[in-house]
């Protein structure tokens, strides 16, 4: 097994050991980054600046999304979905 693959697996195990509350916080941050990545288009700034902001904010959104999924895991996501469906 390569060093990179073992490092990724170790990181996944560390994320899985975190409490679900951290995963929910990461999901909230993800939503905020997604919103900011598109709402910044309304600012009166140059197109180049908007493009740079979009790349940064959208990248942060995707990073927090995948981190939240890694933290919550399959069961954590099912739990969240069940809570939303029962309301």
N, C-alpha and C. Protein backbone atom coordinates (compact mmCIF):
# COMPACT_ATOMS: atom_id res chain seq x y z
N UNK A 1 0.85 -1.17 0.00
CA UNK A 1 0.00 0.00 0.00
C UNK A 1 0.90 1.24 0.00
N UNK A 2 0.51 2.22 -0.78
CA UNK A 2 1.34 3.42 -0.87
C UNK A 2 1.19 4.29 0.38
N UNK A 3 2.16 5.15 0.58
CA UNK A 3 2.13 6.05 1.74
C UNK A 3 0.94 7.00 1.66
N UNK A 4 0.62 7.45 0.44
CA UNK A 4 -0.50 8.37 0.26
C UNK A 4 -1.81 7.70 0.65
N UNK A 5 -2.02 6.49 0.20
CA UNK A 5 -3.26 5.78 0.50
C UNK A 5 -3.40 5.52 1.99
N UNK A 6 -2.31 5.13 2.64
CA UNK A 6 -2.37 4.89 4.08
C UNK A 6 -2.59 6.18 4.85
N UNK A 7 -2.04 7.30 4.36
CA UNK A 7 -2.27 8.59 5.02
C UNK A 7 -3.73 9.01 4.90
N UNK A 8 -4.34 8.78 3.73
CA UNK A 8 -5.75 9.12 3.54
C UNK A 8 -6.63 8.26 4.43
N UNK A 9 -6.33 6.99 4.54
CA UNK A 9 -7.10 6.11 5.42
C UNK A 9 -6.97 6.51 6.88
N UNK A 10 -5.77 6.91 7.29
CA UNK A 10 -5.57 7.36 8.67
C UNK A 10 -6.36 8.63 8.94
N UNK A 11 -6.39 9.53 7.96
CA UNK A 11 -7.17 10.76 8.11
C UNK A 11 -8.65 10.45 8.21
N UNK A 12 -9.13 9.50 7.41
CA UNK A 12 -10.53 9.09 7.47
C UNK A 12 -10.89 8.52 8.83
N UNK A 13 -10.00 7.72 9.41
CA UNK A 13 -10.25 7.17 10.75
C UNK A 13 -10.29 8.27 11.80
N UNK A 14 -9.44 9.27 11.64
CA UNK A 14 -9.45 10.39 12.60
C UNK A 14 -10.75 11.18 12.50
N UNK A 15 -11.20 11.43 11.26
CA UNK A 15 -12.46 12.15 11.06
C UNK A 15 -13.63 11.36 11.64
N UNK A 16 -13.64 10.06 11.44
CA UNK A 16 -14.73 9.22 11.92
C UNK A 16 -14.79 9.20 13.44
N UNK A 17 -13.68 9.46 14.11
CA UNK A 17 -13.66 9.45 15.57
C UNK A 17 -14.21 10.75 16.17
N UNK A 18 -14.38 11.77 15.35
CA UNK A 18 -14.91 13.04 15.86
C UNK A 18 -16.40 12.92 16.15
N UNK A 19 -16.91 13.71 17.11
CA UNK A 19 -18.34 13.64 17.44
C UNK A 19 -19.20 14.18 16.29
N UNK A 20 -20.43 13.69 16.18
CA UNK A 20 -21.33 14.14 15.10
C UNK A 20 -21.60 15.65 15.11
N UNK A 21 -21.53 16.26 16.27
CA UNK A 21 -21.76 17.70 16.35
C UNK A 21 -20.77 18.47 15.47
N UNK A 22 -19.53 18.02 15.43
CA UNK A 22 -18.52 18.65 14.58
C UNK A 22 -18.91 18.51 13.11
N UNK A 23 -19.45 17.35 12.74
CA UNK A 23 -19.91 17.14 11.37
C UNK A 23 -21.05 18.08 11.00
N UNK A 24 -21.96 18.30 11.93
CA UNK A 24 -23.07 19.22 11.67
C UNK A 24 -22.56 20.64 11.53
N UNK A 25 -21.60 21.02 12.36
CA UNK A 25 -21.00 22.35 12.24
C UNK A 25 -20.34 22.51 10.87
N UNK A 26 -19.66 21.46 10.42
CA UNK A 26 -19.02 21.50 9.10
C UNK A 26 -20.06 21.64 8.00
N UNK A 27 -21.22 20.98 8.15
CA UNK A 27 -22.29 21.12 7.16
C UNK A 27 -22.84 22.55 7.12
N UNK A 28 -22.97 23.15 8.28
CA UNK A 28 -23.45 24.55 8.33
C UNK A 28 -22.43 25.47 7.66
N UNK A 29 -21.17 25.26 7.95
CA UNK A 29 -20.13 26.06 7.28
C UNK A 29 -20.16 25.84 5.77
N UNK A 30 -20.41 24.62 5.35
CA UNK A 30 -20.50 24.30 3.93
C UNK A 30 -21.61 25.13 3.28
N UNK A 31 -22.78 25.17 3.91
CA UNK A 31 -23.90 25.94 3.37
C UNK A 31 -23.56 27.43 3.31
N UNK A 32 -22.89 27.93 4.33
CA UNK A 32 -22.50 29.34 4.33
C UNK A 32 -21.50 29.66 3.22
N UNK A 33 -20.54 28.77 3.00
CA UNK A 33 -19.57 28.99 1.93
C UNK A 33 -20.23 28.92 0.55
N UNK A 34 -21.18 27.99 0.38
CA UNK A 34 -21.91 27.92 -0.89
C UNK A 34 -22.68 29.22 -1.13
N UNK A 35 -23.39 29.68 -0.10
CA UNK A 35 -24.16 30.92 -0.23
C UNK A 35 -23.24 32.10 -0.55
N UNK A 36 -22.14 32.20 0.15
CA UNK A 36 -21.21 33.30 -0.06
C UNK A 36 -20.59 33.25 -1.45
N UNK A 37 -20.34 32.03 -1.96
CA UNK A 37 -19.70 31.91 -3.27
C UNK A 37 -20.59 32.45 -4.38
N UNK A 38 -21.90 32.37 -4.20
CA UNK A 38 -22.80 32.90 -5.22
C UNK A 38 -23.27 34.32 -4.90
N UNK A 39 -23.46 34.64 -3.64
CA UNK A 39 -23.90 35.99 -3.28
C UNK A 39 -22.84 37.05 -3.55
N UNK A 40 -21.58 36.68 -3.56
CA UNK A 40 -20.53 37.66 -3.83
C UNK A 40 -20.61 38.19 -5.25
N UNK A 41 -21.35 37.48 -6.11
CA UNK A 41 -21.52 37.96 -7.50
C UNK A 41 -22.31 39.26 -7.55
N UNK A 42 -23.05 39.55 -6.48
CA UNK A 42 -23.84 40.78 -6.43
C UNK A 42 -23.01 42.00 -6.03
N UNK A 43 -21.80 41.79 -5.57
CA UNK A 43 -20.95 42.90 -5.14
C UNK A 43 -20.46 43.71 -6.35
N UNK A 44 -20.31 45.01 -6.16
CA UNK A 44 -19.83 45.86 -7.26
C UNK A 44 -18.30 45.85 -7.37
N UNK A 45 -17.75 44.71 -7.76
CA UNK A 45 -16.30 44.57 -7.91
C UNK A 45 -16.02 44.02 -9.30
N UNK A 46 -14.76 43.99 -9.66
CA UNK A 46 -14.40 43.55 -11.01
C UNK A 46 -14.68 42.05 -11.20
N UNK A 47 -14.80 41.67 -12.45
CA UNK A 47 -15.07 40.28 -12.79
C UNK A 47 -13.92 39.38 -12.35
N UNK A 48 -12.70 39.85 -12.48
CA UNK A 48 -11.54 39.06 -12.06
C UNK A 48 -11.59 38.78 -10.56
N UNK A 49 -11.93 39.79 -9.78
CA UNK A 49 -12.02 39.62 -8.33
C UNK A 49 -13.16 38.67 -7.97
N UNK A 50 -14.29 38.80 -8.68
CA UNK A 50 -15.41 37.89 -8.44
C UNK A 50 -15.01 36.45 -8.75
N UNK A 51 -14.25 36.27 -9.81
CA UNK A 51 -13.83 34.92 -10.20
C UNK A 51 -12.92 34.32 -9.14
N UNK A 52 -11.98 35.11 -8.64
CA UNK A 52 -11.07 34.62 -7.61
C UNK A 52 -11.83 34.29 -6.33
N UNK A 53 -12.75 35.17 -5.93
CA UNK A 53 -13.56 34.91 -4.74
C UNK A 53 -14.40 33.65 -4.91
N UNK A 54 -14.97 33.47 -6.11
CA UNK A 54 -15.80 32.30 -6.34
C UNK A 54 -14.97 31.02 -6.23
N UNK A 55 -13.79 31.01 -6.81
CA UNK A 55 -12.94 29.82 -6.75
C UNK A 55 -12.58 29.49 -5.30
N UNK A 56 -12.22 30.50 -4.53
CA UNK A 56 -11.84 30.28 -3.13
C UNK A 56 -13.03 29.81 -2.31
N UNK A 57 -14.16 30.52 -2.40
CA UNK A 57 -15.31 30.18 -1.58
C UNK A 57 -15.93 28.84 -1.98
N UNK A 58 -15.99 28.57 -3.28
CA UNK A 58 -16.55 27.29 -3.73
C UNK A 58 -15.63 26.14 -3.32
N UNK A 59 -14.33 26.37 -3.38
CA UNK A 59 -13.38 25.35 -2.92
C UNK A 59 -13.53 25.06 -1.44
N UNK A 60 -13.73 26.11 -0.65
CA UNK A 60 -13.96 25.92 0.78
C UNK A 60 -15.26 25.17 1.03
N UNK A 61 -16.29 25.47 0.24
CA UNK A 61 -17.57 24.79 0.39
C UNK A 61 -17.43 23.29 0.12
N UNK A 62 -16.74 22.94 -0.97
CA UNK A 62 -16.56 21.53 -1.30
C UNK A 62 -15.69 20.82 -0.25
N UNK A 63 -14.68 21.51 0.24
CA UNK A 63 -13.81 20.92 1.26
C UNK A 63 -14.59 20.63 2.54
N UNK A 64 -15.38 21.61 2.99
CA UNK A 64 -16.16 21.39 4.22
C UNK A 64 -17.25 20.35 3.99
N UNK A 65 -17.78 20.26 2.77
CA UNK A 65 -18.80 19.25 2.48
C UNK A 65 -18.21 17.84 2.62
N UNK A 66 -17.08 17.60 2.00
CA UNK A 66 -16.47 16.28 2.08
C UNK A 66 -15.97 15.97 3.48
N UNK A 67 -15.51 16.98 4.20
CA UNK A 67 -15.08 16.78 5.58
C UNK A 67 -16.27 16.39 6.46
N UNK A 68 -17.40 17.07 6.26
CA UNK A 68 -18.59 16.76 7.05
C UNK A 68 -19.06 15.33 6.77
N UNK A 69 -19.04 14.93 5.51
CA UNK A 69 -19.45 13.57 5.17
C UNK A 69 -18.50 12.55 5.80
N UNK A 70 -17.22 12.85 5.80
CA UNK A 70 -16.25 11.94 6.42
C UNK A 70 -16.44 11.86 7.93
N UNK A 71 -16.79 12.97 8.55
CA UNK A 71 -17.00 12.98 10.00
C UNK A 71 -18.29 12.25 10.36
N UNK A 72 -19.36 12.57 9.65
CA UNK A 72 -20.66 11.99 10.00
C UNK A 72 -20.76 10.53 9.61
N UNK A 73 -20.24 10.18 8.48
CA UNK A 73 -20.36 8.80 8.01
C UNK A 73 -21.77 8.50 7.57
N UNK A 74 -21.97 7.27 7.19
CA UNK A 74 -23.26 6.82 6.65
C UNK A 74 -24.37 6.92 7.70
N UNK A 75 -24.09 6.48 8.90
CA UNK A 75 -25.11 6.49 9.95
C UNK A 75 -25.47 7.90 10.41
N UNK A 76 -24.49 8.78 10.49
CA UNK A 76 -24.75 10.15 10.89
C UNK A 76 -25.64 10.88 9.90
N UNK A 77 -25.42 10.64 8.63
CA UNK A 77 -26.24 11.27 7.60
C UNK A 77 -27.66 10.71 7.65
N UNK A 78 -27.78 9.41 7.86
CA UNK A 78 -29.13 8.81 8.01
C UNK A 78 -29.86 9.40 9.20
N UNK A 79 -29.15 9.61 10.31
CA UNK A 79 -29.76 10.19 11.51
C UNK A 79 -30.27 11.60 11.23
N UNK A 80 -29.48 12.40 10.55
CA UNK A 80 -29.89 13.77 10.23
C UNK A 80 -31.10 13.76 9.31
N UNK A 81 -31.08 12.91 8.29
CA UNK A 81 -32.22 12.83 7.37
C UNK A 81 -33.49 12.38 8.08
N UNK A 82 -33.37 11.42 8.99
CA UNK A 82 -34.53 10.96 9.76
C UNK A 82 -35.11 12.09 10.60
N UNK A 83 -34.25 12.90 11.21
CA UNK A 83 -34.74 14.01 12.04
C UNK A 83 -35.48 15.05 11.20
N UNK A 84 -35.02 15.29 9.97
CA UNK A 84 -35.70 16.26 9.11
C UNK A 84 -37.02 15.70 8.58
N UNK A 85 -37.10 14.41 8.34
CA UNK A 85 -38.32 13.82 7.80
C UNK A 85 -39.42 13.70 8.86
N UNK A 86 -39.06 13.63 10.13
CA UNK A 86 -40.05 13.49 11.20
C UNK A 86 -40.68 14.82 11.60
N UNK A 87 -40.16 15.91 11.10
CA UNK A 87 -40.71 17.23 11.49
C UNK A 87 -41.87 17.61 10.65
